Amino acid sequence: MARMSLLSSPLLLGFDEIERLIDRVGKNASDGYPPYNIERIKANGEGVETLRITLAVAGFTRDQLDITLEDKQLLVRGKQTDDQERDYLYRGIAARQFQRTFVLADGIEVRSADLANGLLSIDLVRHEPQRLVRTIAIGGNGTAP
């Protein structure tokens, strides 16, 4: 039996990519580590909207973090290794790995990333899309293509 979805309407042409992205986000939403914020930064005169993703990555250094952009996905990975030279009496802070994925819409680009005080901030900009209005000529020869 074929799977039906909200985007399977015959009036919504070419939206199968959006459905695939929604499925991809649903698979990555289960883990809550590391915690993060997403905020909108007020425009500073450039006329572009800026978004900031801030992840709490205490204990990670720049060398242990990796940010990649692939196929409209922003992937943030953290990889720590156990320090074998230390002899812990109690270990409440575990060295752990993470991968956090954010799916970006068309027109959003990564501007910069910064690590300070255990917070990784990634700034994104959303350019206002150009509004395109086009008149389509109607042929009158009576033959269909």
N, C-alpha and C. Protein backbone atom coordinates (compact mmCIF):
# COMPACT_ATOMS: atom_id res chain seq x y z
N MET A 1 0.85 -1.18 0.00
CA MET A 1 0.00 0.00 0.00
C MET A 1 0.89 1.24 0.00
N ALA A 2 0.54 2.20 -0.78
CA ALA A 2 1.33 3.43 -0.90
C ALA A 2 1.13 4.29 0.34
N ARG A 3 2.19 4.97 0.73
CA ARG A 3 2.14 5.85 1.90
C ARG A 3 1.57 7.21 1.50
N MET A 4 0.58 7.67 2.24
CA MET A 4 -0.04 8.97 1.98
C MET A 4 0.52 9.99 2.97
N SER A 5 0.71 11.20 2.53
CA SER A 5 1.20 12.25 3.40
C SER A 5 0.47 13.55 3.07
N LEU A 6 0.73 14.56 3.91
CA LEU A 6 0.11 15.86 3.68
C LEU A 6 0.59 16.50 2.38
N LEU A 7 1.80 16.15 1.97
CA LEU A 7 2.37 16.77 0.77
C LEU A 7 2.10 15.97 -0.50
N SER A 8 1.22 14.97 -0.43
CA SER A 8 0.96 14.15 -1.60
C SER A 8 -0.22 14.67 -2.44
N SER A 9 -0.70 15.86 -2.14
CA SER A 9 -1.79 16.45 -2.91
C SER A 9 -1.34 16.70 -4.35
N PRO A 10 -2.21 16.47 -5.32
CA PRO A 10 -1.82 16.74 -6.71
C PRO A 10 -1.61 18.23 -6.99
N LEU A 11 -2.03 19.10 -6.06
CA LEU A 11 -1.84 20.54 -6.24
C LEU A 11 -0.48 21.00 -5.73
N LEU A 12 0.24 20.15 -5.01
CA LEU A 12 1.57 20.49 -4.50
C LEU A 12 2.60 19.74 -5.33
N LEU A 13 3.09 20.38 -6.36
CA LEU A 13 4.03 19.74 -7.28
C LEU A 13 5.47 20.04 -6.88
N GLY A 14 6.27 19.02 -6.80
CA GLY A 14 7.69 19.18 -6.53
C GLY A 14 8.05 19.34 -5.07
N PHE A 15 7.15 19.00 -4.15
CA PHE A 15 7.43 19.15 -2.73
C PHE A 15 7.93 17.86 -2.08
N ASP A 16 8.26 16.86 -2.86
CA ASP A 16 8.73 15.60 -2.31
C ASP A 16 10.06 15.77 -1.57
N GLU A 17 10.86 16.75 -1.98
CA GLU A 17 12.13 17.05 -1.28
C GLU A 17 11.85 17.53 0.14
N ILE A 18 10.82 18.32 0.34
CA ILE A 18 10.47 18.81 1.67
C ILE A 18 10.06 17.64 2.56
N GLU A 19 9.31 16.72 2.02
CA GLU A 19 8.90 15.55 2.79
C GLU A 19 10.11 14.72 3.22
N ARG A 20 11.07 14.59 2.34
CA ARG A 20 12.30 13.86 2.67
C ARG A 20 13.07 14.57 3.78
N LEU A 21 13.12 15.90 3.74
CA LEU A 21 13.81 16.66 4.77
C LEU A 21 13.11 16.54 6.12
N ILE A 22 11.78 16.52 6.11
CA ILE A 22 11.02 16.36 7.36
C ILE A 22 11.30 14.99 7.97
N ASP A 23 11.35 13.96 7.14
CA ASP A 23 11.69 12.62 7.64
C ASP A 23 13.09 12.59 8.24
N ARG A 24 14.02 13.28 7.60
CA ARG A 24 15.41 13.31 8.08
C ARG A 24 15.51 14.01 9.43
N VAL A 25 14.77 15.10 9.61
CA VAL A 25 14.78 15.82 10.88
C VAL A 25 14.18 14.97 11.99
N GLY A 26 13.11 14.26 11.69
CA GLY A 26 12.47 13.41 12.68
C GLY A 26 13.39 12.33 13.21
N LYS A 27 14.26 11.82 12.39
CA LYS A 27 15.20 10.77 12.82
C LYS A 27 16.27 11.32 13.75
N ASN A 28 16.63 12.60 13.61
CA ASN A 28 17.71 13.18 14.39
C ASN A 28 17.24 13.92 15.64
N ALA A 29 15.94 13.97 15.88
CA ALA A 29 15.42 14.80 16.96
C ALA A 29 15.37 14.11 18.32
N SER A 30 15.77 12.85 18.40
CA SER A 30 15.57 12.10 19.64
C SER A 30 16.58 12.44 20.73
N ASP A 31 17.82 12.74 20.40
CA ASP A 31 18.84 12.98 21.41
C ASP A 31 18.82 14.45 21.85
N GLY A 32 18.89 14.69 23.15
CA GLY A 32 18.83 16.05 23.67
C GLY A 32 20.19 16.64 23.98
N TYR A 33 21.28 15.96 23.58
CA TYR A 33 22.62 16.44 23.90
C TYR A 33 23.33 16.83 22.63
N PRO A 34 23.99 17.94 22.59
CA PRO A 34 24.07 18.97 23.61
C PRO A 34 22.87 19.90 23.51
N PRO A 35 22.51 20.55 24.62
CA PRO A 35 21.40 21.51 24.54
C PRO A 35 21.78 22.69 23.65
N TYR A 36 20.79 23.31 23.06
CA TYR A 36 21.07 24.42 22.14
C TYR A 36 19.94 25.43 22.18
N ASN A 37 20.24 26.63 21.72
CA ASN A 37 19.27 27.71 21.52
C ASN A 37 19.34 28.13 20.05
N ILE A 38 18.21 28.62 19.55
CA ILE A 38 18.18 29.27 18.24
C ILE A 38 17.51 30.61 18.45
N GLU A 39 18.20 31.67 18.04
CA GLU A 39 17.64 33.01 18.25
C GLU A 39 17.72 33.83 16.97
N ARG A 40 16.82 34.80 16.87
CA ARG A 40 16.82 35.73 15.76
C ARG A 40 17.51 36.99 16.23
N ILE A 41 18.50 37.45 15.46
CA ILE A 41 19.25 38.66 15.78
C ILE A 41 18.65 39.79 14.95
N LYS A 42 18.41 40.93 15.59
CA LYS A 42 17.81 42.06 14.88
C LYS A 42 18.70 42.51 13.73
N ALA A 43 18.06 42.92 12.66
CA ALA A 43 18.79 43.39 11.47
C ALA A 43 19.58 44.64 11.80
N ASN A 44 20.78 44.73 11.26
CA ASN A 44 21.65 45.86 11.56
C ASN A 44 21.80 46.82 10.38
N GLY A 45 20.85 46.84 9.49
CA GLY A 45 20.92 47.76 8.37
C GLY A 45 21.22 47.08 7.05
N GLU A 46 21.72 45.83 7.08
CA GLU A 46 22.00 45.10 5.84
C GLU A 46 20.73 44.61 5.18
N GLY A 47 19.66 44.53 5.95
CA GLY A 47 18.40 44.06 5.40
C GLY A 47 18.29 42.55 5.33
N VAL A 48 19.23 41.82 5.93
CA VAL A 48 19.15 40.37 5.95
C VAL A 48 18.88 39.90 7.38
N GLU A 49 18.14 38.84 7.48
CA GLU A 49 17.83 38.28 8.79
C GLU A 49 18.98 37.38 9.23
N THR A 50 19.39 37.53 10.49
CA THR A 50 20.46 36.70 11.04
C THR A 50 19.88 35.80 12.11
N LEU A 51 20.23 34.53 12.03
CA LEU A 51 19.85 33.54 13.03
C LEU A 51 21.13 33.06 13.70
N ARG A 52 21.03 32.74 14.99
CA ARG A 52 22.20 32.24 15.71
C ARG A 52 21.82 30.94 16.43
N ILE A 53 22.58 29.90 16.15
CA ILE A 53 22.46 28.63 16.86
C ILE A 53 23.57 28.62 17.89
N THR A 54 23.22 28.40 19.16
CA THR A 54 24.21 28.34 20.23
C THR A 54 24.10 26.98 20.90
N LEU A 55 25.20 26.23 20.89
CA LEU A 55 25.25 24.92 21.51
C LEU A 55 26.13 24.96 22.74
N ALA A 56 25.68 24.31 23.83
CA ALA A 56 26.47 24.22 25.06
C ALA A 56 27.43 23.04 24.91
N VAL A 57 28.70 23.35 24.68
CA VAL A 57 29.71 22.32 24.43
C VAL A 57 30.86 22.44 25.43
N ALA A 58 30.51 22.62 26.71
CA ALA A 58 31.54 22.77 27.74
C ALA A 58 32.46 21.55 27.73
N GLY A 59 33.75 21.82 27.84
CA GLY A 59 34.74 20.75 27.86
C GLY A 59 35.31 20.40 26.50
N PHE A 60 34.73 20.92 25.44
CA PHE A 60 35.24 20.65 24.09
C PHE A 60 36.15 21.79 23.65
N THR A 61 37.23 21.44 22.96
CA THR A 61 38.11 22.45 22.37
C THR A 61 37.77 22.60 20.89
N ARG A 62 38.33 23.61 20.27
CA ARG A 62 38.09 23.82 18.83
C ARG A 62 38.50 22.58 18.01
N ASP A 63 39.58 21.94 18.42
CA ASP A 63 40.07 20.77 17.68
C ASP A 63 39.12 19.58 17.79
N GLN A 64 38.30 19.55 18.82
CA GLN A 64 37.38 18.43 19.04
C GLN A 64 36.01 18.66 18.42
N LEU A 65 35.80 19.81 17.81
CA LEU A 65 34.52 20.15 17.18
C LEU A 65 34.69 20.23 15.67
N ASP A 66 33.65 19.82 14.96
CA ASP A 66 33.68 19.84 13.51
C ASP A 66 32.31 20.32 13.02
N ILE A 67 32.32 21.31 12.14
CA ILE A 67 31.08 21.85 11.57
C ILE A 67 31.16 21.67 10.06
N THR A 68 30.17 20.99 9.49
CA THR A 68 30.14 20.79 8.05
C THR A 68 28.75 21.14 7.52
N LEU A 69 28.72 21.53 6.27
CA LEU A 69 27.47 21.83 5.57
C LEU A 69 27.41 20.92 4.36
N GLU A 70 26.39 20.06 4.34
CA GLU A 70 26.28 19.11 3.25
C GLU A 70 24.82 18.88 2.92
N ASP A 71 24.46 19.10 1.68
CA ASP A 71 23.10 18.83 1.21
C ASP A 71 22.04 19.48 2.09
N LYS A 72 22.18 20.79 2.31
CA LYS A 72 21.24 21.59 3.12
C LYS A 72 21.20 21.18 4.59
N GLN A 73 22.18 20.42 5.02
CA GLN A 73 22.25 20.00 6.41
C GLN A 73 23.50 20.59 7.05
N LEU A 74 23.30 21.23 8.20
CA LEU A 74 24.41 21.73 9.00
C LEU A 74 24.67 20.67 10.08
N LEU A 75 25.83 20.05 10.04
CA LEU A 75 26.19 19.01 10.99
C LEU A 75 27.25 19.54 11.94
N VAL A 76 26.97 19.42 13.22
CA VAL A 76 27.93 19.81 14.26
C VAL A 76 28.29 18.53 15.00
N ARG A 77 29.58 18.21 15.00
CA ARG A 77 30.05 16.99 15.66
C ARG A 77 31.07 17.36 16.73
N GLY A 78 31.01 16.62 17.83
CA GLY A 78 31.99 16.78 18.88
C GLY A 78 32.54 15.42 19.24
N LYS A 79 33.86 15.35 19.40
CA LYS A 79 34.50 14.07 19.69
C LYS A 79 35.56 14.29 20.75
N GLN A 80 35.34 13.70 21.92
CA GLN A 80 36.32 13.76 23.00
C GLN A 80 36.88 12.36 23.21
N THR A 81 38.12 12.30 23.62
CA THR A 81 38.73 11.02 23.95
C THR A 81 39.06 10.99 25.43
N ASP A 82 39.02 9.81 26.00
CA ASP A 82 39.34 9.65 27.42
C ASP A 82 40.83 9.92 27.64
N ASP A 83 41.12 10.66 28.70
CA ASP A 83 42.50 10.92 29.09
C ASP A 83 42.96 9.75 29.96
N GLN A 84 43.76 8.89 29.39
CA GLN A 84 44.19 7.67 30.08
C GLN A 84 45.19 7.95 31.20
N GLU A 85 45.77 9.15 31.22
CA GLU A 85 46.77 9.47 32.24
C GLU A 85 46.14 9.84 33.58
N ARG A 86 44.87 10.14 33.59
CA ARG A 86 44.21 10.55 34.83
C ARG A 86 43.65 9.34 35.57
N ASP A 87 43.71 9.42 36.89
CA ASP A 87 43.15 8.38 37.74
C ASP A 87 41.98 8.99 38.51
N TYR A 88 40.77 8.77 38.02
CA TYR A 88 39.58 9.39 38.61
C TYR A 88 39.14 8.64 39.86
N LEU A 89 38.85 9.38 40.91
CA LEU A 89 38.21 8.81 42.10
C LEU A 89 36.70 8.78 41.88
N TYR A 90 36.19 9.80 41.21
CA TYR A 90 34.78 9.89 40.83
C TYR A 90 34.73 10.56 39.47
N ARG A 91 33.91 10.05 38.60
CA ARG A 91 33.80 10.64 37.27
C ARG A 91 32.35 10.96 36.96
N GLY A 92 32.00 12.22 37.08
CA GLY A 92 30.65 12.68 36.78
C GLY A 92 30.55 13.38 35.44
N ILE A 93 31.68 13.78 34.90
CA ILE A 93 31.73 14.44 33.59
C ILE A 93 32.32 13.44 32.61
N ALA A 94 31.47 12.88 31.81
CA ALA A 94 31.92 11.85 30.87
C ALA A 94 32.41 12.49 29.58
N ALA A 95 33.41 11.89 28.99
CA ALA A 95 33.85 12.28 27.66
C ALA A 95 32.91 11.59 26.68
N ARG A 96 32.14 12.38 25.98
CA ARG A 96 31.18 11.78 25.08
C ARG A 96 31.19 12.46 23.73
N GLN A 97 30.70 11.75 22.76
CA GLN A 97 30.61 12.27 21.41
C GLN A 97 29.18 12.71 21.14
N PHE A 98 29.03 13.60 20.18
CA PHE A 98 27.69 14.01 19.77
C PHE A 98 27.69 14.38 18.31
N GLN A 99 26.49 14.35 17.76
CA GLN A 99 26.25 14.87 16.41
C GLN A 99 24.89 15.53 16.43
N ARG A 100 24.85 16.79 16.08
CA ARG A 100 23.59 17.56 16.05
C ARG A 100 23.41 18.03 14.61
N THR A 101 22.23 17.80 14.05
CA THR A 101 21.95 18.13 12.66
C THR A 101 20.83 19.17 12.58
N PHE A 102 21.05 20.19 11.76
CA PHE A 102 20.05 21.21 11.48
C PHE A 102 19.84 21.24 9.97
N VAL A 103 18.59 21.14 9.54
CA VAL A 103 18.28 21.22 8.12
C VAL A 103 18.00 22.68 7.78
N LEU A 104 18.71 23.20 6.78
CA LEU A 104 18.59 24.61 6.40
C LEU A 104 17.72 24.76 5.16
N ALA A 105 16.92 25.79 5.16
CA ALA A 105 16.07 26.10 4.01
C ALA A 105 16.90 26.75 2.91
N ASP A 106 16.33 26.79 1.73
CA ASP A 106 16.99 27.49 0.62
C ASP A 106 17.16 28.96 1.00
N GLY A 107 18.29 29.53 0.64
CA GLY A 107 18.54 30.94 0.92
C GLY A 107 19.23 31.20 2.24
N ILE A 108 19.42 30.16 3.07
CA ILE A 108 20.13 30.35 4.34
C ILE A 108 21.56 29.89 4.15
N GLU A 109 22.48 30.74 4.56
CA GLU A 109 23.90 30.38 4.46
C GLU A 109 24.58 30.61 5.80
N VAL A 110 25.64 29.84 6.03
CA VAL A 110 26.41 29.95 7.27
C VAL A 110 27.38 31.11 7.11
N ARG A 111 27.32 32.05 8.05
CA ARG A 111 28.20 33.21 8.01
C ARG A 111 29.48 32.97 8.81
N SER A 112 29.34 32.48 10.06
CA SER A 112 30.53 32.30 10.90
C SER A 112 30.22 31.36 12.05
N ALA A 113 31.29 30.93 12.73
CA ALA A 113 31.16 30.10 13.94
C ALA A 113 32.22 30.57 14.93
N ASP A 114 31.86 30.53 16.23
CA ASP A 114 32.78 31.00 17.26
C ASP A 114 32.58 30.15 18.51
N LEU A 115 33.68 29.87 19.21
CA LEU A 115 33.63 29.12 20.46
C LEU A 115 34.18 30.00 21.57
N ALA A 116 33.34 30.25 22.59
CA ALA A 116 33.76 31.07 23.72
C ALA A 116 33.00 30.64 24.97
N ASN A 117 33.72 30.45 26.06
CA ASN A 117 33.13 30.11 27.36
C ASN A 117 32.24 28.87 27.31
N GLY A 118 32.64 27.87 26.53
CA GLY A 118 31.87 26.63 26.46
C GLY A 118 30.64 26.69 25.59
N LEU A 119 30.46 27.78 24.85
CA LEU A 119 29.32 27.93 23.95
C LEU A 119 29.80 28.07 22.52
N LEU A 120 29.28 27.22 21.65
CA LEU A 120 29.58 27.29 20.22
C LEU A 120 28.44 28.04 19.55
N SER A 121 28.75 29.19 18.95
CA SER A 121 27.75 30.01 18.27
C SER A 121 27.97 29.94 16.77
N ILE A 122 26.91 29.64 16.04
CA ILE A 122 26.96 29.57 14.58
C ILE A 122 25.96 30.58 14.05
N ASP A 123 26.44 31.56 13.30
CA ASP A 123 25.57 32.60 12.74
C ASP A 123 25.18 32.23 11.31
N LEU A 124 23.90 32.35 11.04
CA LEU A 124 23.34 32.07 9.72
C LEU A 124 22.67 33.33 9.21
N VAL A 125 22.66 33.53 7.92
CA VAL A 125 21.93 34.66 7.33
C VAL A 125 20.90 34.12 6.36
N ARG A 126 19.76 34.78 6.36
CA ARG A 126 18.69 34.42 5.43
C ARG A 126 18.48 35.60 4.50
N HIS A 127 18.84 35.41 3.25
CA HIS A 127 18.65 36.46 2.26
C HIS A 127 17.20 36.45 1.80
N GLU A 128 16.64 37.63 1.64
CA GLU A 128 15.27 37.75 1.18
C GLU A 128 15.21 37.30 -0.28
N PRO A 129 14.37 36.31 -0.58
CA PRO A 129 14.31 35.84 -1.97
C PRO A 129 13.70 36.91 -2.88
N GLN A 130 14.18 36.92 -4.09
CA GLN A 130 13.63 37.86 -5.07
C GLN A 130 12.26 37.37 -5.50
N ARG A 131 11.32 38.27 -5.56
CA ARG A 131 9.98 37.94 -5.99
C ARG A 131 9.95 38.00 -7.51
N LEU A 132 9.63 36.89 -8.12
CA LEU A 132 9.63 36.81 -9.57
C LEU A 132 8.20 36.66 -10.07
N VAL A 133 7.78 37.60 -10.89
CA VAL A 133 6.46 37.54 -11.52
C VAL A 133 6.70 37.43 -13.01
N ARG A 134 6.11 36.43 -13.62
CA ARG A 134 6.33 36.19 -15.03
C ARG A 134 5.00 35.90 -15.70
N THR A 135 4.75 36.49 -16.82
CA THR A 135 3.54 36.23 -17.58
C THR A 135 3.84 35.12 -18.58
N ILE A 136 2.95 34.13 -18.63
CA ILE A 136 3.13 33.00 -19.52
C ILE A 136 2.22 33.20 -20.74
N ALA A 137 2.84 33.18 -21.89
CA ALA A 137 2.07 33.35 -23.14
C ALA A 137 1.28 32.08 -23.42
N ILE A 138 0.08 32.25 -23.91
CA ILE A 138 -0.78 31.12 -24.26
C ILE A 138 -0.79 30.99 -25.78
N GLY A 139 -0.40 29.81 -26.23
CA GLY A 139 -0.36 29.57 -27.67
C GLY A 139 -1.76 29.36 -28.22
N GLY A 140 -1.95 29.58 -29.49
CA GLY A 140 -3.28 29.47 -30.09
C GLY A 140 -3.33 28.56 -31.29
N ASN A 141 -2.37 27.67 -31.47
CA ASN A 141 -2.39 26.83 -32.66
C ASN A 141 -3.22 25.57 -32.49
N GLY A 142 -3.74 25.30 -31.29
CA GLY A 142 -4.66 24.18 -31.08
C GLY A 142 -4.00 22.83 -30.92
N THR A 143 -2.71 22.76 -30.95
CA THR A 143 -2.05 21.47 -30.77
C THR A 143 -1.39 21.42 -29.41
N ALA A 144 -1.52 20.29 -28.78
CA ALA A 144 -0.90 20.11 -27.46
C ALA A 144 0.52 19.60 -27.64
N PRO A 145 1.43 19.95 -26.75
CA PRO A 145 2.81 19.49 -26.88
C PRO A 145 2.94 18.01 -26.63
